Amino acid sequence: MSTISLDQDANRFIMHVDGELCELGFSLHGKMVSMNHVRVPKSVGGRGLAAELTRHALDWAREEGLTVRPACPYVDNWIERHPEYQALLENA
């Protein structure tokens, strides 16, 4: 697993893999976080990095007591496949 860090000034979680920047961008709206995009460069794709970022961001939301709006289709699909995170959804 790669090291993931929170870049609070830019509202994103980031990790560097083989010199490439991978990120999950979000926006906060009170006690709700909108997960807006996950970006993993093709050169490091296929390694489960988007899943690592998503799980990390959802665990952070849980720890912070936030509800989640999965504005990014990847995040939405990931949550569908992982029922243990569905309680975080905004309309759950």
PDB file of N, CA and C in Angstrom:
ATOM      1  N   MET A   1       0.840  -1.179   0.000  1.00  0.00           N
ATOM      2  CA  MET A   1       0.000   0.000   0.000  1.00  0.00           C
ATOM      3  C   MET A   1       0.889   1.247   0.000  1.00  0.00           C
ATOM      4  N   SER A   2       0.514   2.239  -0.770  1.00  0.00           N
ATOM      5  CA  SER A   2       1.248   3.493  -0.849  1.00  0.00           C
ATOM      6  C   SER A   2       0.825   4.418   0.285  1.00  0.00           C
ATOM      7  N   THR A   3       1.669   5.413   0.559  1.00  0.00           N
ATOM      8  CA  THR A   3       1.347   6.384   1.589  1.00  0.00           C
ATOM      9  C   THR A   3       0.389   7.416   1.015  1.00  0.00           C
ATOM     10  N   ILE A   4      -0.745   7.587   1.679  1.00  0.00           N
ATOM     11  CA  ILE A   4      -1.762   8.546   1.265  1.00  0.00           C
ATOM     12  C   ILE A   4      -1.765   9.674   2.290  1.00  0.00           C
ATOM     13  N   SER A   5      -1.782  10.904   1.803  1.00  0.00           N
ATOM     14  CA  SER A   5      -1.832  12.046   2.716  1.00  0.00           C
ATOM     15  C   SER A   5      -2.967  12.978   2.328  1.00  0.00           C
ATOM     16  N   LEU A   6      -3.438  13.721   3.310  1.00  0.00           N
ATOM     17  CA  LEU A   6      -4.501  14.694   3.117  1.00  0.00           C
ATOM     18  C   LEU A   6      -3.871  16.051   2.826  1.00  0.00           C
ATOM     19  N   ASP A   7      -4.193  16.607   1.685  1.00  0.00           N
ATOM     20  CA  ASP A   7      -3.803  17.967   1.321  1.00  0.00           C
ATOM     21  C   ASP A   7      -5.030  18.833   1.578  1.00  0.00           C
ATOM     22  N   GLN A   8      -5.171  19.300   2.816  1.00  0.00           N
ATOM     23  CA  GLN A   8      -6.378  19.999   3.230  1.00  0.00           C
ATOM     24  C   GLN A   8      -6.564  21.312   2.483  1.00  0.00           C
ATOM     25  N   ASP A   9      -5.486  21.998   2.155  1.00  0.00           N
ATOM     26  CA  ASP A   9      -5.594  23.268   1.432  1.00  0.00           C
ATOM     27  C   ASP A   9      -6.205  23.082   0.049  1.00  0.00           C
ATOM     28  N   ALA A  10      -5.940  21.945  -0.576  1.00  0.00           N
ATOM     29  CA  ALA A  10      -6.449  21.673  -1.921  1.00  0.00           C
ATOM     30  C   ALA A  10      -7.653  20.732  -1.919  1.00  0.00           C
ATOM     31  N   ASN A  11      -8.144  20.353  -0.733  1.00  0.00           N
ATOM     32  CA  ASN A  11      -9.290  19.434  -0.620  1.00  0.00           C
ATOM     33  C   ASN A  11      -9.080  18.168  -1.451  1.00  0.00           C
ATOM     34  N   ARG A  12      -8.018  17.455  -1.129  1.00  0.00           N
ATOM     35  CA  ARG A  12      -7.751  16.206  -1.846  1.00  0.00           C
ATOM     36  C   ARG A  12      -6.864  15.298  -1.011  1.00  0.00           C
ATOM     37  N   PHE A  13      -6.977  14.021  -1.308  1.00  0.00           N
ATOM     38  CA  PHE A  13      -6.064  13.015  -0.792  1.00  0.00           C
ATOM     39  C   PHE A  13      -5.104  12.704  -1.928  1.00  0.00           C
ATOM     40  N   ILE A  14      -3.823  12.586  -1.591  1.00  0.00           N
ATOM     41  CA  ILE A  14      -2.830  12.356  -2.640  1.00  0.00           C
ATOM     42  C   ILE A  14      -1.896  11.219  -2.265  1.00  0.00           C
ATOM     43  N   MET A  15      -1.340  10.610  -3.298  1.00  0.00           N
ATOM     44  CA  MET A  15      -0.238   9.669  -3.133  1.00  0.00           C
ATOM     45  C   MET A  15       0.607   9.727  -4.393  1.00  0.00           C
ATOM     46  N   HIS A  16       1.887   9.488  -4.203  1.00  0.00           N
ATOM     47  CA  HIS A  16       2.832   9.473  -5.317  1.00  0.00           C
ATOM     48  C   HIS A  16       3.258   8.030  -5.548  1.00  0.00           C
ATOM     49  N   VAL A  17       3.131   7.596  -6.786  1.00  0.00           N
ATOM     50  CA  VAL A  17       3.504   6.236  -7.159  1.00  0.00           C
ATOM     51  C   VAL A  17       4.370   6.322  -8.411  1.00  0.00           C
ATOM     52  N   ASP A  18       5.574   5.812  -8.314  1.00  0.00           N
ATOM     53  CA  ASP A  18       6.506   5.830  -9.448  1.00  0.00           C
ATOM     54  C   ASP A  18       6.606   7.225 -10.062  1.00  0.00           C
ATOM     55  N   GLY A  19       6.639   8.252  -9.210  1.00  0.00           N
ATOM     56  CA  GLY A  19       6.777   9.624  -9.679  1.00  0.00           C
ATOM     57  C   GLY A  19       5.497  10.256 -10.206  1.00  0.00           C
ATOM     58  N   GLU A  20       4.399   9.539 -10.137  1.00  0.00           N
ATOM     59  CA  GLU A  20       3.118  10.053 -10.630  1.00  0.00           C
ATOM     60  C   GLU A  20       2.221  10.442  -9.458  1.00  0.00           C
ATOM     61  N   LEU A  21       1.450  11.504  -9.637  1.00  0.00           N
ATOM     62  CA  LEU A  21       0.516  11.963  -8.620  1.00  0.00           C
ATOM     63  C   LEU A  21      -0.857  11.340  -8.850  1.00  0.00           C
ATOM     64  N   CYS A  22      -1.371  10.682  -7.828  1.00  0.00           N
ATOM     65  CA  CYS A  22      -2.725  10.125  -7.839  1.00  0.00           C
ATOM     66  C   CYS A  22      -3.514  10.913  -6.804  1.00  0.00           C
ATOM     67  N   GLU A  23      -4.802  11.173  -7.075  1.00  0.00           N
ATOM     68  CA  GLU A  23      -5.559  11.997  -6.141  1.00  0.00           C
ATOM     69  C   GLU A  23      -7.037  11.659  -6.123  1.00  0.00           C
ATOM     70  N   LEU A  24      -7.657  11.966  -4.992  1.00  0.00           N
ATOM     71  CA  LEU A  24      -9.107  11.942  -4.849  1.00  0.00           C
ATOM     72  C   LEU A  24      -9.496  13.325  -4.344  1.00  0.00           C
ATOM     73  N   GLY A  25     -10.244  14.062  -5.160  1.00  0.00           N
ATOM     74  CA  GLY A  25     -10.660  15.413  -4.809  1.00  0.00           C
ATOM     75  C   GLY A  25     -12.031  15.410  -4.162  1.00  0.00           C
ATOM     76  N   PHE A  26     -12.206  16.297  -3.202  1.00  0.00           N
ATOM     77  CA  PHE A  26     -13.481  16.370  -2.483  1.00  0.00           C
ATOM     78  C   PHE A  26     -13.809  17.816  -2.154  1.00  0.00           C
ATOM     79  N   SER A  27     -15.039  18.051  -1.731  1.00  0.00           N
ATOM     80  CA  SER A  27     -15.439  19.351  -1.199  1.00  0.00           C
ATOM     81  C   SER A  27     -16.297  19.104   0.034  1.00  0.00           C
ATOM     82  N   LEU A  28     -16.112  19.972   1.021  1.00  0.00           N
ATOM     83  CA  LEU A  28     -16.862  19.872   2.270  1.00  0.00           C
ATOM     84  C   LEU A  28     -18.020  20.848   2.261  1.00  0.00           C
ATOM     85  N   HIS A  29     -19.155  20.382   2.747  1.00  0.00           N
ATOM     86  CA  HIS A  29     -20.355  21.198   2.866  1.00  0.00           C
ATOM     87  C   HIS A  29     -20.945  20.901   4.240  1.00  0.00           C
ATOM     88  N   GLY A  30     -20.485  21.614   5.245  1.00  0.00           N
ATOM     89  CA  GLY A  30     -20.918  21.329   6.613  1.00  0.00           C
ATOM     90  C   GLY A  30     -20.432  19.953   7.033  1.00  0.00           C
ATOM     91  N   LYS A  31     -21.360  19.063   7.378  1.00  0.00           N
ATOM     92  CA  LYS A  31     -21.015  17.701   7.810  1.00  0.00           C
ATOM     93  C   LYS A  31     -21.154  16.685   6.669  1.00  0.00           C
ATOM     94  N   MET A  32     -21.145  17.171   5.423  1.00  0.00           N
ATOM     95  CA  MET A  32     -21.231  16.308   4.253  1.00  0.00           C
ATOM     96  C   MET A  32     -20.000  16.557   3.385  1.00  0.00           C
ATOM     97  N   VAL A  33     -19.421  15.465   2.886  1.00  0.00           N
ATOM     98  CA  VAL A  33     -18.290  15.562   1.968  1.00  0.00           C
ATOM     99  C   VAL A  33     -18.727  15.005   0.619  1.00  0.00           C
ATOM    100  N   SER A  34     -18.496  15.779  -0.414  1.00  0.00           N
ATOM    101  CA  SER A  34     -18.746  15.336  -1.776  1.00  0.00           C
ATOM    102  C   SER A  34     -17.427  14.837  -2.345  1.00  0.00           C
ATOM    103  N   MET A  35     -17.387  13.579  -2.732  1.00  0.00           N
ATOM    104  CA  MET A  35     -16.178  13.010  -3.333  1.00  0.00           C
ATOM    105  C   MET A  35     -16.330  13.172  -4.843  1.00  0.00           C
ATOM    106  N   ASN A  36     -15.554  14.110  -5.392  1.00  0.00           N
ATOM    107  CA  ASN A  36     -15.791  14.621  -6.739  1.00  0.00           C
ATOM    108  C   ASN A  36     -15.045  13.917  -7.864  1.00  0.00           C
ATOM    109  N   HIS A  37     -13.851  13.435  -7.602  1.00  0.00           N
ATOM    110  CA  HIS A  37     -13.105  12.747  -8.655  1.00  0.00           C
ATOM    111  C   HIS A  37     -11.967  11.918  -8.066  1.00  0.00           C
ATOM    112  N   VAL A  38     -11.613  10.888  -8.801  1.00  0.00           N
ATOM    113  CA  VAL A  38     -10.419  10.092  -8.506  1.00  0.00           C
ATOM    114  C   VAL A  38      -9.601  10.096  -9.788  1.00  0.00           C
ATOM    115  N   ARG A  39      -8.329  10.458  -9.656  1.00  0.00           N
ATOM    116  CA  ARG A  39      -7.459  10.494 -10.833  1.00  0.00           C
ATOM    117  C   ARG A  39      -6.214   9.665 -10.577  1.00  0.00           C
ATOM    118  N   VAL A  40      -6.001   8.689 -11.451  1.00  0.00           N
ATOM    119  CA  VAL A  40      -4.802   7.846 -11.417  1.00  0.00           C
ATOM    120  C   VAL A  40      -4.253   7.830 -12.844  1.00  0.00           C
ATOM    121  N   PRO A  41      -3.040   8.311 -13.054  1.00  0.00           N
ATOM    122  CA  PRO A  41      -2.465   8.302 -14.401  1.00  0.00           C
ATOM    123  C   PRO A  41      -2.399   6.885 -14.979  1.00  0.00           C
ATOM    124  N   LYS A  42      -2.603   6.785 -16.275  1.00  0.00           N
ATOM    125  CA  LYS A  42      -2.580   5.487 -16.953  1.00  0.00           C
ATOM    126  C   LYS A  42      -1.289   4.723 -16.714  1.00  0.00           C
ATOM    127  N   SER A  43      -0.187   5.465 -16.576  1.00  0.00           N
ATOM    128  CA  SER A  43       1.117   4.805 -16.423  1.00  0.00           C
ATOM    129  C   SER A  43       1.220   3.994 -15.131  1.00  0.00           C
ATOM    130  N   VAL A  44       0.357   4.272 -14.143  1.00  0.00           N
ATOM    131  CA  VAL A  44       0.363   3.511 -12.893  1.00  0.00           C
ATOM    132  C   VAL A  44      -1.006   2.865 -12.635  1.00  0.00           C
ATOM    133  N   GLY A  45      -1.852   2.860 -13.647  1.00  0.00           N
ATOM    134  CA  GLY A  45      -3.189   2.283 -13.512  1.00  0.00           C
ATOM    135  C   GLY A  45      -3.156   0.773 -13.395  1.00  0.00           C
ATOM    136  N   GLY A  46      -4.276   0.211 -13.005  1.00  0.00           N
ATOM    137  CA  GLY A  46      -4.415  -1.236 -12.911  1.00  0.00           C
ATOM    138  C   GLY A  46      -3.797  -1.852 -11.668  1.00  0.00           C
ATOM    139  N   ARG A  47      -3.454  -1.040 -10.689  1.00  0.00           N
ATOM    140  CA  ARG A  47      -2.817  -1.536  -9.464  1.00  0.00           C
ATOM    141  C   ARG A  47      -3.722  -1.415  -8.239  1.00  0.00           C
ATOM    142  N   GLY A  48      -4.942  -0.959  -8.430  1.00  0.00           N
ATOM    143  CA  GLY A  48      -5.850  -0.785  -7.301  1.00  0.00           C
ATOM    144  C   GLY A  48      -5.637   0.511  -6.542  1.00  0.00           C
ATOM    145  N   LEU A  49      -4.954   1.464  -7.160  1.00  0.00           N
ATOM    146  CA  LEU A  49      -4.646   2.722  -6.483  1.00  0.00           C
ATOM    147  C   LEU A  49      -5.892   3.563  -6.246  1.00  0.00           C
ATOM    148  N   ALA A  50      -6.806   3.580  -7.207  1.00  0.00           N
ATOM    149  CA  ALA A  50      -8.061   4.328  -7.029  1.00  0.00           C
ATOM    150  C   ALA A  50      -8.852   3.740  -5.861  1.00  0.00           C
ATOM    151  N   ALA A  51      -8.831   2.435  -5.727  1.00  0.00           N
ATOM    152  CA  ALA A  51      -9.523   1.786  -4.608  1.00  0.00           C
ATOM    153  C   ALA A  51      -8.869   2.161  -3.279  1.00  0.00           C
ATOM    154  N   GLU A  52      -7.539   2.203  -3.235  1.00  0.00           N
ATOM    155  CA  GLU A  52      -6.833   2.606  -2.008  1.00  0.00           C
ATOM    156  C   GLU A  52      -7.223   4.022  -1.604  1.00  0.00           C
ATOM    157  N   LEU A  53      -7.216   4.934  -2.569  1.00  0.00           N
ATOM    158  CA  LEU A  53      -7.598   6.320  -2.286  1.00  0.00           C
ATOM    159  C   LEU A  53      -9.035   6.398  -1.784  1.00  0.00           C
ATOM    160  N   THR A  54      -9.916   5.669  -2.437  1.00  0.00           N
ATOM    161  CA  THR A  54     -11.337   5.703  -2.074  1.00  0.00           C
ATOM    162  C   THR A  54     -11.550   5.166  -0.670  1.00  0.00           C
ATOM    163  N   ARG A  55     -10.985   4.018  -0.366  1.00  0.00           N
ATOM    164  CA  ARG A  55     -11.129   3.444   0.978  1.00  0.00           C
ATOM    165  C   ARG A  55     -10.574   4.402   2.038  1.00  0.00           C
ATOM    166  N   HIS A  56      -9.421   4.977   1.764  1.00  0.00           N
ATOM    167  CA  HIS A  56      -8.804   5.904   2.712  1.00  0.00           C
ATOM    168  C   HIS A  56      -9.709   7.114   2.952  1.00  0.00           C
ATOM    169  N   ALA A  57     -10.235   7.696   1.879  1.00  0.00           N
ATOM    170  CA  ALA A  57     -11.098   8.873   1.999  1.00  0.00           C
ATOM    171  C   ALA A  57     -12.392   8.536   2.746  1.00  0.00           C
ATOM    172  N   LEU A  58     -12.957   7.363   2.491  1.00  0.00           N
ATOM    173  CA  LEU A  58     -14.183   6.963   3.191  1.00  0.00           C
ATOM    174  C   LEU A  58     -13.915   6.686   4.665  1.00  0.00           C
ATOM    175  N   ASP A  59     -12.778   6.086   4.969  1.00  0.00           N
ATOM    176  CA  ASP A  59     -12.417   5.871   6.378  1.00  0.00           C
ATOM    177  C   ASP A  59     -12.246   7.211   7.091  1.00  0.00           C
ATOM    178  N   TRP A  60     -11.636   8.180   6.416  1.00  0.00           N
ATOM    179  CA  TRP A  60     -11.488   9.519   6.973  1.00  0.00           C
ATOM    180  C   TRP A  60     -12.861  10.141   7.239  1.00  0.00           C
ATOM    181  N   ALA A  61     -13.777  10.027   6.271  1.00  0.00           N
ATOM    182  CA  ALA A  61     -15.126  10.581   6.442  1.00  0.00           C
ATOM    183  C   ALA A  61     -15.812   9.950   7.648  1.00  0.00           C
ATOM    184  N   ARG A  62     -15.660   8.650   7.794  1.00  0.00           N
ATOM    185  CA  ARG A  62     -16.257   7.948   8.939  1.00  0.00           C
ATOM    186  C   ARG A  62     -15.674   8.484  10.249  1.00  0.00           C
ATOM    187  N   GLU A  63     -14.358   8.601  10.311  1.00  0.00           N
ATOM    188  CA  GLU A  63     -13.696   9.105  11.525  1.00  0.00           C
ATOM    189  C   GLU A  63     -14.121  10.528  11.866  1.00  0.00           C
ATOM    190  N   GLU A  64     -14.394  11.330  10.845  1.00  0.00           N
ATOM    191  CA  GLU A  64     -14.784  12.728  11.032  1.00  0.00           C
ATOM    192  C   GLU A  64     -16.283  12.889  11.272  1.00  0.00           C
ATOM    193  N   GLY A  65     -17.051  11.803  11.182  1.00  0.00           N
ATOM    194  CA  GLY A  65     -18.494  11.874  11.388  1.00  0.00           C
ATOM    195  C   GLY A  65     -19.228  12.547  10.244  1.00  0.00           C
ATOM    196  N   LEU A  66     -18.704  12.398   9.025  1.00  0.00           N
ATOM    197  CA  LEU A  66     -19.290  13.034   7.849  1.00  0.00           C
ATOM    198  C   LEU A  66     -20.169  12.062   7.073  1.00  0.00           C
ATOM    199  N   THR A  67     -21.178  12.605   6.398  1.00  0.00           N
ATOM    200  CA  THR A  67     -21.902  11.812   5.413  1.00  0.00           C
ATOM    201  C   THR A  67     -21.218  12.036   4.067  1.00  0.00           C
ATOM    202  N   VAL A  68     -21.474  11.135   3.118  1.00  0.00           N
ATOM    203  CA  VAL A  68     -20.757  11.147   1.842  1.00  0.00           C
ATOM    204  C   VAL A  68     -21.733  11.265   0.682  1.00  0.00           C
ATOM    205  N   ARG A  69     -21.396  12.159  -0.240  1.00  0.00           N
ATOM    206  CA  ARG A  69     -22.084  12.231  -1.531  1.00  0.00           C
ATOM    207  C   ARG A  69     -21.063  11.779  -2.578  1.00  0.00           C
ATOM    208  N   PRO A  70     -21.268  10.615  -3.189  1.00  0.00           N
ATOM    209  CA  PRO A  70     -20.306  10.129  -4.190  1.00  0.00           C
ATOM    210  C   PRO A  70     -20.578  10.754  -5.562  1.00  0.00           C
ATOM    211  N   ALA A  71     -20.108  11.984  -5.775  1.00  0.00           N
ATOM    212  CA  ALA A  71     -20.314  12.669  -7.057  1.00  0.00           C
ATOM    213  C   ALA A  71     -19.508  12.017  -8.177  1.00  0.00           C
ATOM    214  N   CYS A  72     -18.451  11.319  -7.825  1.00  0.00           N
ATOM    215  CA  CYS A  72     -17.607  10.615  -8.790  1.00  0.00           C
ATOM    216  C   CYS A  72     -18.192   9.225  -9.046  1.00  0.00           C
ATOM    217  N   PRO A  73     -18.412   8.855 -10.300  1.00  0.00           N
ATOM    218  CA  PRO A  73     -18.960   7.525 -10.593  1.00  0.00           C
ATOM    219  C   PRO A  73     -18.114   6.385 -10.028  1.00  0.00           C
ATOM    220  N   TYR A  74     -16.795   6.531 -10.034  1.00  0.00           N
ATOM    221  CA  TYR A  74     -15.942   5.469  -9.487  1.00  0.00           C
ATOM    222  C   TYR A  74     -16.247   5.263  -8.008  1.00  0.00           C
ATOM    223  N   VAL A  75     -16.299   6.351  -7.246  1.00  0.00           N
ATOM    224  CA  VAL A  75     -16.575   6.252  -5.814  1.00  0.00           C
ATOM    225  C   VAL A  75     -17.960   5.653  -5.588  1.00  0.00           C
ATOM    226  N   ASP A  76     -18.936   6.084  -6.365  1.00  0.00           N
ATOM    227  CA  ASP A  76     -20.297   5.553  -6.244  1.00  0.00           C
ATOM    228  C   ASP A  76     -20.313   4.041  -6.474  1.00  0.00           C
ATOM    229  N   ASN A  77     -19.669   3.581  -7.528  1.00  0.00           N
ATOM    230  CA  ASN A  77     -19.605   2.140  -7.825  1.00  0.00           C
ATOM    231  C   ASN A  77     -18.834   1.381  -6.762  1.00  0.00           C
ATOM    232  N   TRP A  78     -17.768   1.970  -6.249  1.00  0.00           N
ATOM    233  CA  TRP A  78     -16.959   1.314  -5.225  1.00  0.00           C
ATOM    234  C   TRP A  78     -17.798   1.084  -3.967  1.00  0.00           C
ATOM    235  N   ILE A  79     -18.556   2.102  -3.564  1.00  0.00           N
ATOM    236  CA  ILE A  79     -19.409   1.971  -2.373  1.00  0.00           C
ATOM    237  C   ILE A  79     -20.476   0.899  -2.595  1.00  0.00           C
ATOM    238  N   GLU A  80     -21.022   0.827  -3.785  1.00  0.00           N
ATOM    239  CA  GLU A  80     -22.011  -0.225  -4.093  1.00  0.00           C
ATOM    240  C   GLU A  80     -21.423  -1.613  -3.879  1.00  0.00           C
ATOM    241  N   ARG A  81     -20.145  -1.796  -4.204  1.00  0.00           N
ATOM    242  CA  ARG A  81     -19.482  -3.096  -4.069  1.00  0.00           C
ATOM    243  C   ARG A  81     -18.982  -3.379  -2.656  1.00  0.00           C
ATOM    244  N   HIS A  82     -19.047  -2.377  -1.772  1.00  0.00           N
ATOM    245  CA  HIS A  82     -18.550  -2.517  -0.399  1.00  0.00           C
ATOM    246  C   HIS A  82     -19.634  -2.059   0.573  1.00  0.00           C
ATOM    247  N   PRO A  83     -20.562  -2.938   0.884  1.00  0.00           N
ATOM    248  CA  PRO A  83     -21.723  -2.551   1.700  1.00  0.00           C
ATOM    249  C   PRO A  83     -21.357  -1.999   3.072  1.00  0.00           C
ATOM    250  N   GLU A  84     -20.175  -2.307   3.581  1.00  0.00           N
ATOM    251  CA  GLU A  84     -19.780  -1.795   4.891  1.00  0.00           C
ATOM    252  C   GLU A  84     -19.603  -0.272   4.893  1.00  0.00           C
ATOM    253  N   TYR A  85     -19.592   0.353   3.716  1.00  0.00           N
ATOM    254  CA  TYR A  85     -19.466   1.805   3.616  1.00  0.00           C
ATOM    255  C   TYR A  85     -20.780   2.491   3.234  1.00  0.00           C
ATOM    256  N   GLN A  86     -21.818   1.739   2.939  1.00  0.00           N
ATOM    257  CA  GLN A  86     -23.062   2.329   2.457  1.00  0.00           C
ATOM    258  C   GLN A  86     -23.770   3.181   3.515  1.00  0.00           C
ATOM    259  N   ALA A  87     -23.524   2.922   4.793  1.00  0.00           N
ATOM    260  CA  ALA A  87     -24.147   3.728   5.844  1.00  0.00           C
ATOM    261  C   ALA A  87     -23.631   5.169   5.839  1.00  0.00           C
ATOM    262  N   LEU A  88     -22.498   5.415   5.182  1.00  0.00           N
ATOM    263  CA  LEU A  88     -21.956   6.767   5.105  1.00  0.00           C
ATOM    264  C   LEU A  88     -22.687   7.643   4.095  1.00  0.00           C
ATOM    265  N   LEU A  89     -23.454   7.024   3.213  1.00  0.00           N
ATOM    266  CA  LEU A  89     -24.095   7.777   2.140  1.00  0.00           C
ATOM    267  C   LEU A  89     -25.050   8.820   2.681  1.00  0.00           C
ATOM    268  N   GLU A  90     -25.090   9.920   2.008  1.00  0.00           N
ATOM    269  CA  GLU A  90     -25.893  11.084   2.392  1.00  0.00           C
ATOM    270  C   GLU A  90     -27.352  10.705   2.644  1.00  0.00           C
ATOM    271  N   ASN A  91     -27.903   9.835   1.819  1.00  0.00           N
ATOM    272  CA  ASN A  91     -29.328   9.477   1.935  1.00  0.00           C
ATOM    273  C   ASN A  91     -29.548   8.091   2.519  1.00  0.00           C
ATOM    274  N   ALA A  92     -28.562   7.574   3.225  1.00  0.00           N
ATOM    275  CA  ALA A  92     -28.685   6.217   3.780  1.00  0.00           C
ATOM    276  C   ALA A  92     -29.634   6.192   4.962  1.00  0.00           C
TER     277      ALA A  92
END
